Amino acid sequence: MPKPAEVTLPSDREVRVTRTFNAPRQLVWDAHTKPELVKKWQGYEGWDMPVCDMDVRVGGTYKWRWKNREDGNEFGFFGTFTEVDRPSRIAHEQYFDPGNMDLTMPAGDPCIVSVELTEQNGVTTLVCNLKFASKEARDGAASTGMTDGMEHSYTRLDDMFKAAA
């Protein structure tokens, strides 16, 4: 079983999440770039992902939106892909869409999210770097429990890989 994500703060504006998966790099890549797979693992129990539009190419856009089954609350993210190097690196701008939820996230410049994938002996290491516009934006996002949510989703991804094996 992969160990939980390791979270570090490499600079005043960055959050880095490192996580391993017992799966080949191509499968981890596909899970991050194919909407039908993204919808299966990103998010929390009790939430659906009714919107998962992704045009995975440099200059292509994406829009993700989650909806709570119980109360109908919604939120999401959107942006543009800035780097696509299959199957090892992808980067995108990330803007927060609070939907109808009472969430305050720092507005302004986007967070730049990059994901790097390396594989050794069938184990893929993911390094996700989130670079915010300011220290305040980083601290504000980190205070939402963002990295706990990422680990929850990564655990669901582990389960998806196990089920496919």
Protein backbone atom coordinates (compact mmCIF):
# COMPACT_ATOMS: atom_id res chain seq x y z
CA MET A 1 0.00 0.00 0.00
CA PRO A 2 1.48 3.38 -0.95
CA LYS A 3 2.22 5.67 1.96
CA PRO A 4 0.16 8.86 2.30
CA ALA A 5 1.12 11.96 0.38
CA GLU A 6 4.11 13.89 1.66
CA VAL A 7 3.46 17.64 1.75
CA THR A 8 6.27 20.20 1.73
CA LEU A 9 6.48 23.98 1.31
CA PRO A 10 9.47 24.58 -1.01
CA SER A 11 8.95 28.37 -1.05
CA ASP A 12 6.66 31.08 0.34
CA ARG A 13 4.31 30.59 -2.60
CA GLU A 14 4.41 26.83 -3.15
CA VAL A 15 2.92 23.60 -1.90
CA ARG A 16 4.46 20.33 -3.12
CA VAL A 17 2.68 17.00 -2.77
CA THR A 18 4.65 13.79 -3.46
CA ARG A 19 2.81 10.45 -3.68
CA THR A 20 3.57 6.99 -5.04
CA PHE A 21 1.17 4.62 -6.79
CA ASN A 22 1.53 0.90 -7.40
CA ALA A 23 0.72 1.39 -11.08
CA PRO A 24 2.59 2.09 -14.31
CA ARG A 25 3.11 5.73 -15.23
CA GLN A 26 0.80 5.48 -18.26
CA LEU A 27 -2.12 4.44 -16.03
CA VAL A 28 -1.48 7.32 -13.62
CA TRP A 29 -1.24 9.70 -16.60
CA ASP A 30 -4.52 8.42 -18.02
CA ALA A 31 -6.20 8.82 -14.62
CA HIS A 32 -5.19 12.51 -14.66
CA THR A 33 -6.07 13.27 -18.30
CA LYS A 34 -9.13 11.19 -19.27
CA PRO A 35 -12.37 12.75 -17.97
CA GLU A 36 -14.13 9.38 -17.57
CA LEU A 37 -11.33 8.31 -15.19
CA VAL A 38 -10.88 11.67 -13.41
CA LYS A 39 -14.57 11.58 -12.43
CA LYS A 40 -14.05 8.21 -10.69
CA TRP A 41 -11.39 9.29 -8.21
CA GLN A 42 -11.30 13.06 -7.71
CA GLY A 43 -13.44 14.27 -4.84
CA TYR A 44 -15.07 13.11 -1.64
CA GLU A 45 -17.71 10.53 -0.76
CA GLY A 46 -21.15 12.05 -1.20
CA TRP A 47 -20.01 14.32 -4.03
CA ASP A 48 -20.46 13.79 -7.76
CA MET A 49 -18.44 15.42 -10.52
CA PRO A 50 -21.11 16.35 -13.09
CA VAL A 51 -18.71 18.57 -15.04
CA CYS A 52 -15.33 17.25 -16.13
CA ASP A 53 -14.46 18.84 -19.45
CA MET A 54 -10.80 18.53 -20.49
CA ASP A 55 -9.05 19.43 -23.74
CA VAL A 56 -5.59 18.10 -22.80
CA ARG A 57 -3.24 20.02 -25.08
CA VAL A 58 -1.21 23.19 -24.70
CA GLY A 59 -3.77 26.00 -24.88
CA GLY A 60 -6.65 23.61 -24.23
CA THR A 61 -9.01 24.35 -21.37
CA TYR A 62 -10.60 22.37 -18.58
CA LYS A 63 -13.55 22.83 -16.25
CA TRP A 64 -14.22 20.69 -13.20
CA ARG A 65 -17.28 21.01 -10.97
CA TRP A 66 -18.35 18.96 -7.96
CA LYS A 67 -21.88 18.73 -6.54
CA ASN A 68 -22.88 17.54 -3.08
CA ARG A 69 -25.61 14.87 -3.34
CA GLU A 70 -27.17 15.90 -0.03
CA ASP A 71 -27.43 19.69 -0.15
CA GLY A 72 -26.74 20.49 -3.82
CA ASN A 73 -23.77 22.73 -3.03
CA GLU A 74 -21.33 23.09 -5.92
CA PHE A 75 -17.80 24.37 -6.52
CA GLY A 76 -15.10 23.83 -9.09
CA PHE A 77 -11.92 24.82 -10.86
CA PHE A 78 -11.13 25.89 -14.41
CA GLY A 79 -8.15 26.97 -16.44
CA THR A 80 -5.85 26.37 -19.38
CA PHE A 81 -3.20 23.70 -19.95
CA THR A 82 0.24 25.31 -20.33
CA GLU A 83 2.39 22.16 -20.70
CA VAL A 84 1.55 18.66 -21.90
CA ASP A 85 4.41 16.15 -22.19
CA ARG A 86 2.80 12.69 -22.33
CA PRO A 87 3.10 10.69 -20.08
CA SER A 88 5.51 12.53 -17.80
CA ARG A 89 4.45 16.14 -17.20
CA ILE A 90 1.36 18.30 -17.34
CA ALA A 91 0.81 21.84 -16.10
CA HIS A 92 -2.20 24.13 -16.00
CA GLU A 93 -3.47 27.40 -14.61
CA GLN A 94 -6.09 26.84 -11.91
CA TYR A 95 -8.80 29.33 -11.07
CA PHE A 96 -11.26 28.62 -8.26
CA ASP A 97 -15.01 28.76 -8.91
CA PRO A 98 -16.82 28.93 -5.53
CA GLY A 99 -20.15 28.02 -7.16
CA ASN A 100 -22.90 28.44 -4.55
CA MET A 101 -20.67 27.61 -1.59
CA ASP A 102 -19.57 30.10 1.01
CA LEU A 103 -15.86 29.56 0.38
CA THR A 104 -13.41 32.40 0.28
CA MET A 105 -10.31 31.75 -1.73
CA PRO A 106 -7.88 34.49 -2.66
CA ALA A 107 -8.89 35.99 -5.98
CA GLY A 108 -6.56 37.25 -8.66
CA ASP A 109 -3.82 35.42 -10.44
CA PRO A 110 -4.21 31.68 -10.91
CA CYS A 111 -2.41 28.94 -9.08
CA ILE A 112 -0.01 27.17 -11.46
CA VAL A 113 -0.29 23.41 -11.00
CA SER A 114 2.28 21.02 -12.40
CA VAL A 115 2.28 17.24 -12.15
CA GLU A 116 5.40 15.19 -12.89
CA LEU A 117 5.30 11.40 -13.14
CA THR A 118 8.28 9.05 -12.98
CA GLU A 119 8.18 5.26 -12.91
CA GLN A 120 10.54 2.73 -11.43
CA ASN A 121 9.78 -1.01 -11.30
CA GLY A 122 6.06 -0.48 -11.89
CA VAL A 123 5.75 2.14 -9.14
CA THR A 124 4.94 5.67 -10.24
CA THR A 125 5.94 8.71 -8.21
CA LEU A 126 3.77 11.79 -8.65
CA VAL A 127 5.09 15.21 -7.70
CA CYS A 128 2.38 17.87 -7.78
CA ASN A 129 3.61 21.42 -7.35
CA LEU A 130 1.14 24.25 -6.74
CA LYS A 131 2.54 27.75 -7.16
CA PHE A 132 0.31 30.51 -5.86
CA ALA A 133 0.32 34.23 -6.68
CA SER A 134 1.35 35.13 -3.11
CA LYS A 135 2.17 33.66 0.28
CA GLU A 136 -1.28 34.78 1.46
CA ALA A 137 -2.94 32.90 -1.40
CA ARG A 138 -0.89 29.77 -0.61
CA ASP A 139 -1.66 29.93 3.10
CA GLY A 140 -5.35 30.57 2.40
CA ALA A 141 -5.60 27.56 0.09
CA ALA A 142 -3.61 25.34 2.45
CA SER A 143 -5.94 26.26 5.33
CA THR A 144 -8.92 24.74 3.46
CA GLY A 145 -7.61 21.21 4.00
CA MET A 146 -6.66 21.04 0.33
CA THR A 147 -3.86 18.49 0.83
CA ASP A 148 -6.12 16.24 2.95
CA GLY A 149 -8.58 16.30 0.08
CA MET A 150 -5.82 15.41 -2.37
CA GLU A 151 -4.81 12.40 -0.26
CA HIS A 152 -8.43 11.28 0.00
CA SER A 153 -8.67 11.37 -3.80
CA TYR A 154 -5.30 9.61 -4.20
CA THR A 155 -6.55 6.80 -1.93
CA ARG A 156 -9.57 6.44 -4.22
CA LEU A 157 -7.14 6.30 -7.16
CA ASP A 158 -5.21 3.50 -5.40
CA ASP A 159 -8.50 1.60 -5.07
CA MET A 160 -9.23 2.15 -8.76
CA PHE A 161 -5.84 0.72 -9.74
CA LYS A 162 -6.34 -2.28 -7.42
CA ALA A 163 -9.76 -3.00 -8.92
CA ALA A 164 -8.30 -2.90 -12.45
CA ALA A 165 -5.39 -5.24 -11.60
